[in-house]
Amino acid sequence: EYTTEDNSFIYDEILKLGLNSIQEKIDTFYIPNERVTKDDAELL
C-alpha cells in the first residue's frame, strides 16, 4: 500500500525484492558451483 505523495516506499520494496533475487542466485548457484567465494559474494 502506498500514497501518491510517497512512491519511494514502492521503489524501496521493489529494489529489496530485486536484491533478494540476486542474493538467492549467488547463494544457490555461484557459491555452490565455486564461481565466487563467500567473501566475493559479500563484495558483489
ModelCIF file with pLDDT and N, C-alpha, C, O atoms, coordinates in Angstrom:
data_MODEL
#
_entry.id   MODEL 
#
_entity.id                         1 
_entity.type                       polymer 
_entity.pdbx_number_of_molecules   1 
#
_entity_poly.entity_id                      1 
_entity_poly.type                           'polypeptide(L)' 
_entity_poly.nstd_linkage                   no 
_entity_poly.nstd_monomer                   no 
_entity_poly.pdbx_seq_one_letter_code       EYTTEDNSFIYDEILKLGLNSIQEKIDTFYIPNERVTKDDAELL 
_entity_poly.pdbx_seq_one_letter_code_can   EYTTEDNSFIYDEILKLGLNSIQEKIDTFYIPNERVTKDDAELL 
_entity_poly.pdbx_strand_id                 A 
#
loop_
_entity_poly_seq.entity_id 
_entity_poly_seq.num 
_entity_poly_seq.mon_id 
_entity_poly_seq.hetero 
1 1  GLU n 
1 2  TYR n 
1 3  THR n 
1 4  THR n 
1 5  GLU n 
1 6  ASP n 
1 7  ASN n 
1 8  SER n 
1 9  PHE n 
1 10 ILE n 
1 11 TYR n 
1 12 ASP n 
1 13 GLU n 
1 14 ILE n 
1 15 LEU n 
1 16 LYS n 
1 17 LEU n 
1 18 GLY n 
1 19 LEU n 
1 20 ASN n 
1 21 SER n 
1 22 ILE n 
1 23 GLN n 
1 24 GLU n 
1 25 LYS n 
1 26 ILE n 
1 27 ASP n 
1 28 THR n 
1 29 PHE n 
1 30 TYR n 
1 31 ILE n 
1 32 PRO n 
1 33 ASN n 
1 34 GLU n 
1 35 ARG n 
1 36 VAL n 
1 37 THR n 
1 38 LYS n 
1 39 ASP n 
1 40 ASP n 
1 41 ALA n 
1 42 GLU n 
1 43 LEU n 
1 44 LEU n 
#
_struct_asym.id          A 
_struct_asym.entity_id   1 
#
loop_
_ma_qa_metric.id 
_ma_qa_metric.mode 
_ma_qa_metric.name 
_ma_qa_metric.software_group_id 
_ma_qa_metric.type 
1 global pLDDT . pLDDT 
2 local  pLDDT . pLDDT 
#
_ma_qa_metric_global.metric_id      1 
_ma_qa_metric_global.metric_value   80.91 
_ma_qa_metric_global.model_id       1 
_ma_qa_metric_global.ordinal_id     1 
#
loop_
_ma_qa_metric_local.label_asym_id 
_ma_qa_metric_local.label_comp_id 
_ma_qa_metric_local.label_seq_id 
_ma_qa_metric_local.metric_id 
_ma_qa_metric_local.metric_value 
_ma_qa_metric_local.model_id 
_ma_qa_metric_local.ordinal_id 
A GLU 1  2 47.00 1 1  
A TYR 2  2 44.00 1 2  
A THR 3  2 44.00 1 3  
A THR 4  2 42.00 1 4  
A GLU 5  2 45.00 1 5  
A ASP 6  2 51.00 1 6  
A ASN 7  2 53.00 1 7  
A SER 8  2 55.00 1 8  
A PHE 9  2 59.00 1 9  
A ILE 10 2 68.00 1 10 
A TYR 11 2 72.00 1 11 
A ASP 12 2 75.00 1 12 
A GLU 13 2 80.00 1 13 
A ILE 14 2 81.00 1 14 
A LEU 15 2 83.00 1 15 
A LYS 16 2 85.00 1 16 
A LEU 17 2 87.00 1 17 
A GLY 18 2 87.00 1 18 
A LEU 19 2 90.00 1 19 
A ASN 20 2 90.00 1 20 
A SER 21 2 90.00 1 21 
A ILE 22 2 92.00 1 22 
A GLN 23 2 92.00 1 23 
A GLU 24 2 92.00 1 24 
A LYS 25 2 92.00 1 25 
A ILE 26 2 92.00 1 26 
A ASP 27 2 91.00 1 27 
A THR 28 2 92.00 1 28 
A PHE 29 2 93.00 1 29 
A TYR 30 2 93.00 1 30 
A ILE 31 2 92.00 1 31 
A PRO 32 2 92.00 1 32 
A ASN 33 2 92.00 1 33 
A GLU 34 2 92.00 1 34 
A ARG 35 2 92.00 1 35 
A VAL 36 2 92.00 1 36 
A THR 37 2 93.00 1 37 
A LYS 38 2 93.00 1 38 
A ASP 39 2 93.00 1 39 
A ASP 40 2 94.00 1 40 
A ALA 41 2 94.00 1 41 
A GLU 42 2 94.00 1 42 
A LEU 43 2 95.00 1 43 
A LEU 44 2 95.00 1 44 
#
loop_
_atom_site.group_PDB 
_atom_site.id 
_atom_site.type_symbol 
_atom_site.label_atom_id 
_atom_site.label_alt_id 
_atom_site.label_comp_id 
_atom_site.label_asym_id 
_atom_site.label_entity_id 
_atom_site.label_seq_id 
_atom_site.pdbx_PDB_ins_code 
_atom_site.Cartn_x 
_atom_site.Cartn_y 
_atom_site.Cartn_z 
_atom_site.occupancy 
_atom_site.B_iso_or_equiv 
_atom_site.pdbx_formal_charge 
_atom_site.auth_seq_id 
_atom_site.auth_comp_id 
_atom_site.auth_asym_id 
_atom_site.auth_atom_id 
_atom_site.pdbx_PDB_model_num 
ATOM 1   N N  . GLU A 1 1  ? 0.857  -1.179  0.000  1.00 47.00 ? 1  GLU A N  1 
ATOM 2   C CA . GLU A 1 1  ? 0.000  0.000   0.000  1.00 47.00 ? 1  GLU A CA 1 
ATOM 3   C C  . GLU A 1 1  ? 0.889  1.222   0.000  1.00 47.00 ? 1  GLU A C  1 
ATOM 4   O O  . GLU A 1 1  ? 1.939  1.249   0.642  1.00 47.00 ? 1  GLU A O  1 
ATOM 5   N N  . TYR A 1 2  ? 0.450  2.241   -0.734 1.00 44.00 ? 2  TYR A N  1 
ATOM 6   C CA . TYR A 1 2  ? 1.246  3.455   -0.822 1.00 44.00 ? 2  TYR A CA 1 
ATOM 7   C C  . TYR A 1 2  ? 0.342  4.626   -1.119 1.00 44.00 ? 2  TYR A C  1 
ATOM 8   O O  . TYR A 1 2  ? -0.825 4.468   -1.478 1.00 44.00 ? 2  TYR A O  1 
ATOM 9   N N  . THR A 1 3  ? 0.915  5.813   -0.960 1.00 44.00 ? 3  THR A N  1 
ATOM 10  C CA . THR A 1 3  ? 0.203  7.022   -1.339 1.00 44.00 ? 3  THR A CA 1 
ATOM 11  C C  . THR A 1 3  ? 0.910  7.636   -2.524 1.00 44.00 ? 3  THR A C  1 
ATOM 12  O O  . THR A 1 3  ? 2.090  7.364   -2.748 1.00 44.00 ? 3  THR A O  1 
ATOM 13  N N  . THR A 1 4  ? 0.213  8.462   -3.289 1.00 42.00 ? 4  THR A N  1 
ATOM 14  C CA . THR A 1 4  ? 0.843  9.084   -4.456 1.00 42.00 ? 4  THR A CA 1 
ATOM 15  C C  . THR A 1 4  ? 1.901  10.098  -4.041 1.00 42.00 ? 4  THR A C  1 
ATOM 16  O O  . THR A 1 4  ? 2.753  10.456  -4.855 1.00 42.00 ? 4  THR A O  1 
ATOM 17  N N  . GLU A 1 5  ? 1.871  10.569  -2.800 1.00 45.00 ? 5  GLU A N  1 
ATOM 18  C CA . GLU A 1 5  ? 2.884  11.512  -2.340 1.00 45.00 ? 5  GLU A CA 1 
ATOM 19  C C  . GLU A 1 5  ? 4.214  10.824  -2.055 1.00 45.00 ? 5  GLU A C  1 
ATOM 20  O O  . GLU A 1 5  ? 5.260  11.473  -2.086 1.00 45.00 ? 5  GLU A O  1 
ATOM 21  N N  . ASP A 1 6  ? 4.193  9.517   -1.778 1.00 51.00 ? 6  ASP A N  1 
ATOM 22  C CA . ASP A 1 6  ? 5.425  8.843   -1.393 1.00 51.00 ? 6  ASP A CA 1 
ATOM 23  C C  . ASP A 1 6  ? 5.579  7.524   -2.127 1.00 51.00 ? 6  ASP A C  1 
ATOM 24  O O  . ASP A 1 6  ? 5.299  6.461   -1.573 1.00 51.00 ? 6  ASP A O  1 
ATOM 25  N N  . ASN A 1 7  ? 6.027  7.592   -3.378 1.00 53.00 ? 7  ASN A N  1 
ATOM 26  C CA . ASN A 1 7  ? 6.262  6.387   -4.153 1.00 53.00 ? 7  ASN A CA 1 
ATOM 27  C C  . ASN A 1 7  ? 7.596  5.743   -3.818 1.00 53.00 ? 7  ASN A C  1 
ATOM 28  O O  . ASN A 1 7  ? 7.874  4.635   -4.275 1.00 53.00 ? 7  ASN A O  1 
ATOM 29  N N  . SER A 1 8  ? 8.433  6.421   -3.022 1.00 55.00 ? 8  SER A N  1 
ATOM 30  C CA . SER A 1 8  ? 9.739  5.862   -2.711 1.00 55.00 ? 8  SER A CA 1 
ATOM 31  C C  . SER A 1 8  ? 9.604  4.546   -1.957 1.00 55.00 ? 8  SER A C  1 
ATOM 32  O O  . SER A 1 8  ? 10.478 3.686   -2.062 1.00 55.00 ? 8  SER A O  1 
ATOM 33  N N  . PHE A 1 9  ? 8.520  4.374   -1.197 1.00 59.00 ? 9  PHE A N  1 
ATOM 34  C CA . PHE A 1 9  ? 8.292  3.124   -0.486 1.00 59.00 ? 9  PHE A CA 1 
ATOM 35  C C  . PHE A 1 9  ? 8.188  1.965   -1.472 1.00 59.00 ? 9  PHE A C  1 
ATOM 36  O O  . PHE A 1 9  ? 8.767  0.902   -1.248 1.00 59.00 ? 9  PHE A O  1 
ATOM 37  N N  . ILE A 1 10 ? 7.462  2.165   -2.547 1.00 68.00 ? 10 ILE A N  1 
ATOM 38  C CA . ILE A 1 10 ? 7.306  1.130   -3.567 1.00 68.00 ? 10 ILE A CA 1 
ATOM 39  C C  . ILE A 1 10 ? 8.650  0.810   -4.191 1.00 68.00 ? 10 ILE A C  1 
ATOM 40  O O  . ILE A 1 10 ? 9.008  -0.359  -4.333 1.00 68.00 ? 10 ILE A O  1 
ATOM 41  N N  . TYR A 1 11 ? 9.399  1.840   -4.567 1.00 72.00 ? 11 TYR A N  1 
ATOM 42  C CA . TYR A 1 11 ? 10.691 1.606   -5.199 1.00 72.00 ? 11 TYR A CA 1 
ATOM 43  C C  . TYR A 1 11 ? 11.631 0.873   -4.248 1.00 72.00 ? 11 TYR A C  1 
ATOM 44  O O  . TYR A 1 11 ? 12.346 -0.040  -4.662 1.00 72.00 ? 11 TYR A O  1 
ATOM 45  N N  . ASP A 1 12 ? 11.632 1.268   -2.977 1.00 75.00 ? 12 ASP A N  1 
ATOM 46  C CA . ASP A 1 12 ? 12.472 0.576   -1.991 1.00 75.00 ? 12 ASP A CA 1 
ATOM 47  C C  . ASP A 1 12 ? 12.107 -0.900  -1.913 1.00 75.00 ? 12 ASP A C  1 
ATOM 48  O O  . ASP A 1 12 ? 12.988 -1.760  -1.913 1.00 75.00 ? 12 ASP A O  1 
ATOM 49  N N  . GLU A 1 13 ? 10.819 -1.193  -1.845 1.00 80.00 ? 13 GLU A N  1 
ATOM 50  C CA . GLU A 1 13 ? 10.368 -2.583  -1.736 1.00 80.00 ? 13 GLU A CA 1 
ATOM 51  C C  . GLU A 1 13 ? 10.712 -3.376  -2.986 1.00 80.00 ? 13 GLU A C  1 
ATOM 52  O O  . GLU A 1 13 ? 11.158 -4.519  -2.887 1.00 80.00 ? 13 GLU A O  1 
ATOM 53  N N  . ILE A 1 14 ? 10.515 -2.795  -4.143 1.00 81.00 ? 14 ILE A N  1 
ATOM 54  C CA . ILE A 1 14 ? 10.825 -3.483  -5.397 1.00 81.00 ? 14 ILE A CA 1 
ATOM 55  C C  . ILE A 1 14 ? 12.324 -3.761  -5.481 1.00 81.00 ? 14 ILE A C  1 
ATOM 56  O O  . ILE A 1 14 ? 12.729 -4.859  -5.863 1.00 81.00 ? 14 ILE A O  1 
ATOM 57  N N  . LEU A 1 15 ? 13.149 -2.773  -5.127 1.00 83.00 ? 15 LEU A N  1 
ATOM 58  C CA . LEU A 1 15 ? 14.597 -2.993  -5.172 1.00 83.00 ? 15 LEU A CA 1 
ATOM 59  C C  . LEU A 1 15 ? 15.048 -4.008  -4.133 1.00 83.00 ? 15 LEU A C  1 
ATOM 60  O O  . LEU A 1 15 ? 15.973 -4.779  -4.390 1.00 83.00 ? 15 LEU A O  1 
ATOM 61  N N  . LYS A 1 16 ? 14.414 -4.026  -2.966 1.00 85.00 ? 16 LYS A N  1 
ATOM 62  C CA . LYS A 1 16 ? 14.750 -5.046  -1.959 1.00 85.00 ? 16 LYS A CA 1 
ATOM 63  C C  . LYS A 1 16 ? 14.463 -6.437  -2.503 1.00 85.00 ? 16 LYS A C  1 
ATOM 64  O O  . LYS A 1 16 ? 15.264 -7.355  -2.334 1.00 85.00 ? 16 LYS A O  1 
ATOM 65  N N  . LEU A 1 17 ? 13.312 -6.587  -3.159 1.00 87.00 ? 17 LEU A N  1 
ATOM 66  C CA . LEU A 1 17 ? 12.980 -7.886  -3.746 1.00 87.00 ? 17 LEU A CA 1 
ATOM 67  C C  . LEU A 1 17 ? 13.968 -8.246  -4.849 1.00 87.00 ? 17 LEU A C  1 
ATOM 68  O O  . LEU A 1 17 ? 14.357 -9.407  -4.980 1.00 87.00 ? 17 LEU A O  1 
ATOM 69  N N  . GLY A 1 18 ? 14.375 -7.258  -5.639 1.00 87.00 ? 18 GLY A N  1 
ATOM 70  C CA . GLY A 1 18 ? 15.373 -7.493  -6.679 1.00 87.00 ? 18 GLY A CA 1 
ATOM 71  C C  . GLY A 1 18 ? 16.711 -7.898  -6.090 1.00 87.00 ? 18 GLY A C  1 
ATOM 72  O O  . GLY A 1 18 ? 17.359 -8.817  -6.591 1.00 87.00 ? 18 GLY A O  1 
ATOM 73  N N  . LEU A 1 19 ? 17.133 -7.219  -5.024 1.00 90.00 ? 19 LEU A N  1 
ATOM 74  C CA . LEU A 1 19 ? 18.391 -7.570  -4.357 1.00 90.00 ? 19 LEU A CA 1 
ATOM 75  C C  . LEU A 1 19 ? 18.306 -8.956  -3.716 1.00 90.00 ? 19 LEU A C  1 
ATOM 76  O O  . LEU A 1 19 ? 19.285 -9.702  -3.709 1.00 90.00 ? 19 LEU A O  1 
ATOM 77  N N  . ASN A 1 20 ? 17.136 -9.297  -3.181 1.00 90.00 ? 20 ASN A N  1 
ATOM 78  C CA . ASN A 1 20 ? 16.953 -10.638 -2.625 1.00 90.00 ? 20 ASN A CA 1 
ATOM 79  C C  . ASN A 1 20 ? 17.124 -11.703 -3.697 1.00 90.00 ? 20 ASN A C  1 
ATOM 80  O O  . ASN A 1 20 ? 17.675 -12.771 -3.432 1.00 90.00 ? 20 ASN A O  1 
ATOM 81  N N  . SER A 1 21 ? 16.650 -11.415 -4.918 1.00 90.00 ? 21 SER A N  1 
ATOM 82  C CA . SER A 1 21 ? 16.810 -12.392 -6.000 1.00 90.00 ? 21 SER A CA 1 
ATOM 83  C C  . SER A 1 21 ? 18.281 -12.552 -6.384 1.00 90.00 ? 21 SER A C  1 
ATOM 84  O O  . SER A 1 21 ? 18.711 -13.646 -6.749 1.00 90.00 ? 21 SER A O  1 
ATOM 85  N N  . ILE A 1 22 ? 19.052 -11.466 -6.303 1.00 92.00 ? 22 ILE A N  1 
ATOM 86  C CA . ILE A 1 22 ? 20.494 -11.563 -6.560 1.00 92.00 ? 22 ILE A CA 1 
ATOM 87  C C  . ILE A 1 22 ? 21.158 -12.412 -5.486 1.00 92.00 ? 22 ILE A C  1 
ATOM 88  O O  . ILE A 1 22 ? 21.965 -13.291 -5.791 1.00 92.00 ? 22 ILE A O  1 
ATOM 89  N N  . GLN A 1 23 ? 20.815 -12.146 -4.224 1.00 92.00 ? 23 GLN A N  1 
ATOM 90  C CA . GLN A 1 23 ? 21.403 -12.914 -3.124 1.00 92.00 ? 23 GLN A CA 1 
ATOM 91  C C  . GLN A 1 23 ? 21.078 -14.393 -3.274 1.00 92.00 ? 23 GLN A C  1 
ATOM 92  O O  . GLN A 1 23 ? 21.934 -15.250 -3.056 1.00 92.00 ? 23 GLN A O  1 
ATOM 93  N N  . GLU A 1 24 ? 19.842 -14.687 -3.646 1.00 92.00 ? 24 GLU A N  1 
ATOM 94  C CA . GLU A 1 24 ? 19.430 -16.082 -3.838 1.00 92.00 ? 24 GLU A CA 1 
ATOM 95  C C  . GLU A 1 24 ? 20.231 -16.738 -4.965 1.00 92.00 ? 24 GLU A C  1 
ATOM 96  O O  . GLU A 1 24 ? 20.671 -17.879 -4.830 1.00 92.00 ? 24 GLU A O  1 
ATOM 97  N N  . LYS A 1 25 ? 20.418 -16.028 -6.061 1.00 92.00 ? 25 LYS A N  1 
ATOM 98  C CA . LYS A 1 25 ? 21.190 -16.558 -7.195 1.00 92.00 ? 25 LYS A CA 1 
ATOM 99  C C  . LYS A 1 25 ? 22.634 -16.820 -6.780 1.00 92.00 ? 25 LYS A C  1 
ATOM 100 O O  . LYS A 1 25 ? 23.220 -17.835 -7.158 1.00 92.00 ? 25 LYS A O  1 
ATOM 101 N N  . ILE A 1 26 ? 23.200 -15.908 -6.009 1.00 92.00 ? 26 ILE A N  1 
ATOM 102 C CA . ILE A 1 26 ? 24.572 -16.095 -5.527 1.00 92.00 ? 26 ILE A CA 1 
ATOM 103 C C  . ILE A 1 26 ? 24.642 -17.310 -4.620 1.00 92.00 ? 26 ILE A C  1 
ATOM 104 O O  . ILE A 1 26 ? 25.533 -18.147 -4.759 1.00 92.00 ? 26 ILE A O  1 
ATOM 105 N N  . ASP A 1 27 ? 23.687 -17.406 -3.680 1.00 91.00 ? 27 ASP A N  1 
ATOM 106 C CA . ASP A 1 27 ? 23.696 -18.496 -2.703 1.00 91.00 ? 27 ASP A CA 1 
ATOM 107 C C  . ASP A 1 27 ? 23.403 -19.864 -3.311 1.00 91.00 ? 27 ASP A C  1 
ATOM 108 O O  . ASP A 1 27 ? 23.946 -20.876 -2.867 1.00 91.00 ? 27 ASP A O  1 
ATOM 109 N N  . THR A 1 28 ? 22.539 -19.892 -4.330 1.00 92.00 ? 28 THR A N  1 
ATOM 110 C CA . THR A 1 28 ? 22.129 -21.186 -4.883 1.00 92.00 ? 28 THR A CA 1 
ATOM 111 C C  . THR A 1 28 ? 22.906 -21.616 -6.127 1.00 92.00 ? 28 THR A C  1 
ATOM 112 O O  . THR A 1 28 ? 22.881 -22.790 -6.497 1.00 92.00 ? 28 THR A O  1 
ATOM 113 N N  . PHE A 1 29 ? 23.591 -20.681 -6.770 1.00 93.00 ? 29 PHE A N  1 
ATOM 114 C CA . PHE A 1 29 ? 24.310 -21.051 -7.988 1.00 93.00 ? 29 PHE A CA 1 
ATOM 115 C C  . PHE A 1 29 ? 25.800 -20.708 -7.925 1.00 93.00 ? 29 PHE A C  1 
ATOM 116 O O  . PHE A 1 29 ? 26.645 -21.586 -8.100 1.00 93.00 ? 29 PHE A O  1 
ATOM 117 N N  . TYR A 1 30 ? 26.120 -19.455 -7.681 1.00 93.00 ? 30 TYR A N  1 
ATOM 118 C CA . TYR A 1 30 ? 27.509 -19.021 -7.811 1.00 93.00 ? 30 TYR A CA 1 
ATOM 119 C C  . TYR A 1 30 ? 28.421 -19.574 -6.713 1.00 93.00 ? 30 TYR A C  1 
ATOM 120 O O  . TYR A 1 30 ? 29.543 -19.985 -7.009 1.00 93.00 ? 30 TYR A O  1 
ATOM 121 N N  . ILE A 1 31 ? 27.977 -19.595 -5.474 1.00 92.00 ? 31 ILE A N  1 
ATOM 122 C CA . ILE A 1 31 ? 28.816 -20.141 -4.392 1.00 92.00 ? 31 ILE A CA 1 
ATOM 123 C C  . ILE A 1 31 ? 28.909 -21.664 -4.497 1.00 92.00 ? 31 ILE A C  1 
ATOM 124 O O  . ILE A 1 31 ? 30.018 -22.197 -4.477 1.00 92.00 ? 31 ILE A O  1 
ATOM 125 N N  . PRO A 1 32 ? 27.778 -22.393 -4.610 1.00 92.00 ? 32 PRO A N  1 
ATOM 126 C CA . PRO A 1 32 ? 27.883 -23.865 -4.698 1.00 92.00 ? 32 PRO A CA 1 
ATOM 127 C C  . PRO A 1 32 ? 28.704 -24.358 -5.899 1.00 92.00 ? 32 PRO A C  1 
ATOM 128 O O  . PRO A 1 32 ? 29.365 -25.393 -5.816 1.00 92.00 ? 32 PRO A O  1 
ATOM 129 N N  . ASN A 1 33 ? 28.662 -23.628 -6.995 1.00 92.00 ? 33 ASN A N  1 
ATOM 130 C CA . ASN A 1 33 ? 29.428 -24.025 -8.181 1.00 92.00 ? 33 ASN A CA 1 
ATOM 131 C C  . ASN A 1 33 ? 30.824 -23.410 -8.213 1.00 92.00 ? 33 ASN A C  1 
ATOM 132 O O  . ASN A 1 33 ? 31.519 -23.472 -9.226 1.00 92.00 ? 33 ASN A O  1 
ATOM 133 N N  . GLU A 1 34 ? 31.224 -22.816 -7.087 1.00 92.00 ? 34 GLU A N  1 
ATOM 134 C CA . GLU A 1 34 ? 32.553 -22.228 -6.897 1.00 92.00 ? 34 GLU A CA 1 
ATOM 135 C C  . GLU A 1 34 ? 32.913 -21.192 -7.958 1.00 92.00 ? 34 GLU A C  1 
ATOM 136 O O  . GLU A 1 34 ? 34.064 -21.073 -8.380 1.00 92.00 ? 34 GLU A O  1 
ATOM 137 N N  . ARG A 1 35 ? 31.892 -20.448 -8.373 1.00 92.00 ? 35 ARG A N  1 
ATOM 138 C CA . ARG A 1 35 ? 32.134 -19.330 -9.297 1.00 92.00 ? 35 ARG A CA 1 
ATOM 139 C C  . ARG A 1 35 ? 32.596 -18.095 -8.527 1.00 92.00 ? 35 ARG A C  1 
ATOM 140 O O  . ARG A 1 35 ? 33.335 -17.264 -9.054 1.00 92.00 ? 35 ARG A O  1 
ATOM 141 N N  . VAL A 1 36 ? 32.146 -17.984 -7.254 1.00 92.00 ? 36 VAL A N  1 
ATOM 142 C CA . VAL A 1 36 ? 32.603 -16.914 -6.360 1.00 92.00 ? 36 VAL A CA 1 
ATOM 143 C C  . VAL A 1 36 ? 32.792 -17.487 -4.965 1.00 92.00 ? 36 VAL A C  1 
ATOM 144 O O  . VAL A 1 36 ? 32.166 -18.475 -4.583 1.00 92.00 ? 36 VAL A O  1 
ATOM 145 N N  . THR A 1 37 ? 33.677 -16.835 -4.218 1.00 93.00 ? 37 THR A N  1 
ATOM 146 C CA . THR A 1 37 ? 33.860 -17.214 -2.817 1.00 93.00 ? 37 THR A CA 1 
ATOM 147 C C  . THR A 1 37 ? 32.826 -16.482 -1.966 1.00 93.00 ? 37 THR A C  1 
ATOM 148 O O  . THR A 1 37 ? 32.130 -15.593 -2.457 1.00 93.00 ? 37 THR A O  1 
ATOM 149 N N  . LYS A 1 38 ? 32.730 -16.853 -0.702 1.00 93.00 ? 38 LYS A N  1 
ATOM 150 C CA . LYS A 1 38 ? 31.795 -16.149 0.184  1.00 93.00 ? 38 LYS A CA 1 
ATOM 151 C C  . LYS A 1 38 ? 32.207 -14.689 0.357  1.00 93.00 ? 38 LYS A C  1 
ATOM 152 O O  . LYS A 1 38 ? 31.348 -13.811 0.438  1.00 93.00 ? 38 LYS A O  1 
ATOM 153 N N  . ASP A 1 39 ? 33.504 -14.424 0.414  1.00 93.00 ? 39 ASP A N  1 
ATOM 154 C CA . ASP A 1 39 ? 33.977 -13.039 0.517  1.00 93.00 ? 39 ASP A CA 1 
ATOM 155 C C  . ASP A 1 39 ? 33.618 -12.248 -0.737 1.00 93.00 ? 39 ASP A C  1 
ATOM 156 O O  . ASP A 1 39 ? 33.168 -11.105 -0.652 1.00 93.00 ? 39 ASP A O  1 
ATOM 157 N N  . ASP A 1 40 ? 33.818 -12.861 -1.893 1.00 94.00 ? 40 ASP A N  1 
ATOM 158 C CA . ASP A 1 40 ? 33.447 -12.198 -3.146 1.00 94.00 ? 40 ASP A CA 1 
ATOM 159 C C  . ASP A 1 40 ? 31.944 -11.978 -3.218 1.00 94.00 ? 40 ASP A C  1 
ATOM 160 O O  . ASP A 1 40 ? 31.485 -10.965 -3.748 1.00 94.00 ? 40 ASP A O  1 
ATOM 161 N N  . ALA A 1 41 ? 31.172 -12.929 -2.684 1.00 94.00 ? 41 ALA A N  1 
ATOM 162 C CA . ALA A 1 41 ? 29.713 -12.790 -2.693 1.00 94.00 ? 41 ALA A CA 1 
ATOM 163 C C  . ALA A 1 41 ? 29.296 -11.562 -1.885 1.00 94.00 ? 41 ALA A C  1 
ATOM 164 O O  . ALA A 1 41 ? 28.407 -10.820 -2.302 1.00 94.00 ? 41 ALA A O  1 
ATOM 165 N N  . GLU A 1 42 ? 29.927 -11.346 -0.742 1.00 94.00 ? 42 GLU A N  1 
ATOM 166 C CA . GLU A 1 42 ? 29.623 -10.158 0.068  1.00 94.00 ? 42 GLU A CA 1 
ATOM 167 C C  . GLU A 1 42 ? 30.001 -8.884  -0.680 1.00 94.00 ? 42 GLU A C  1 
ATOM 168 O O  . GLU A 1 42 ? 29.266 -7.897  -0.657 1.00 94.00 ? 42 GLU A O  1 
ATOM 169 N N  . LEU A 1 43 ? 31.143 -8.916  -1.338 1.00 95.00 ? 43 LEU A N  1 
ATOM 170 C CA . LEU A 1 43 ? 31.604 -7.775  -2.130 1.00 95.00 ? 43 LEU A CA 1 
ATOM 171 C C  . LEU A 1 43 ? 30.613 -7.471  -3.252 1.00 95.00 ? 43 LEU A C  1 
ATOM 172 O O  . LEU A 1 43 ? 30.273 -6.311  -3.485 1.00 95.00 ? 43 LEU A O  1 
ATOM 173 N N  . LEU A 1 44 ? 30.155 -8.497  -3.936 1.00 95.00 ? 44 LEU A N  1 
ATOM 174 C CA . LEU A 1 44 ? 29.176 -8.322  -5.019 1.00 95.00 ? 44 LEU A CA 1 
ATOM 175 C C  . LEU A 1 44 ? 27.869 -7.736  -4.483 1.00 95.00 ? 44 LEU A C  1 
ATOM 176 O O  . LEU A 1 44 ? 26.930 -7.519  -5.249 1.00 95.00 ? 44 LEU A O  1 
#
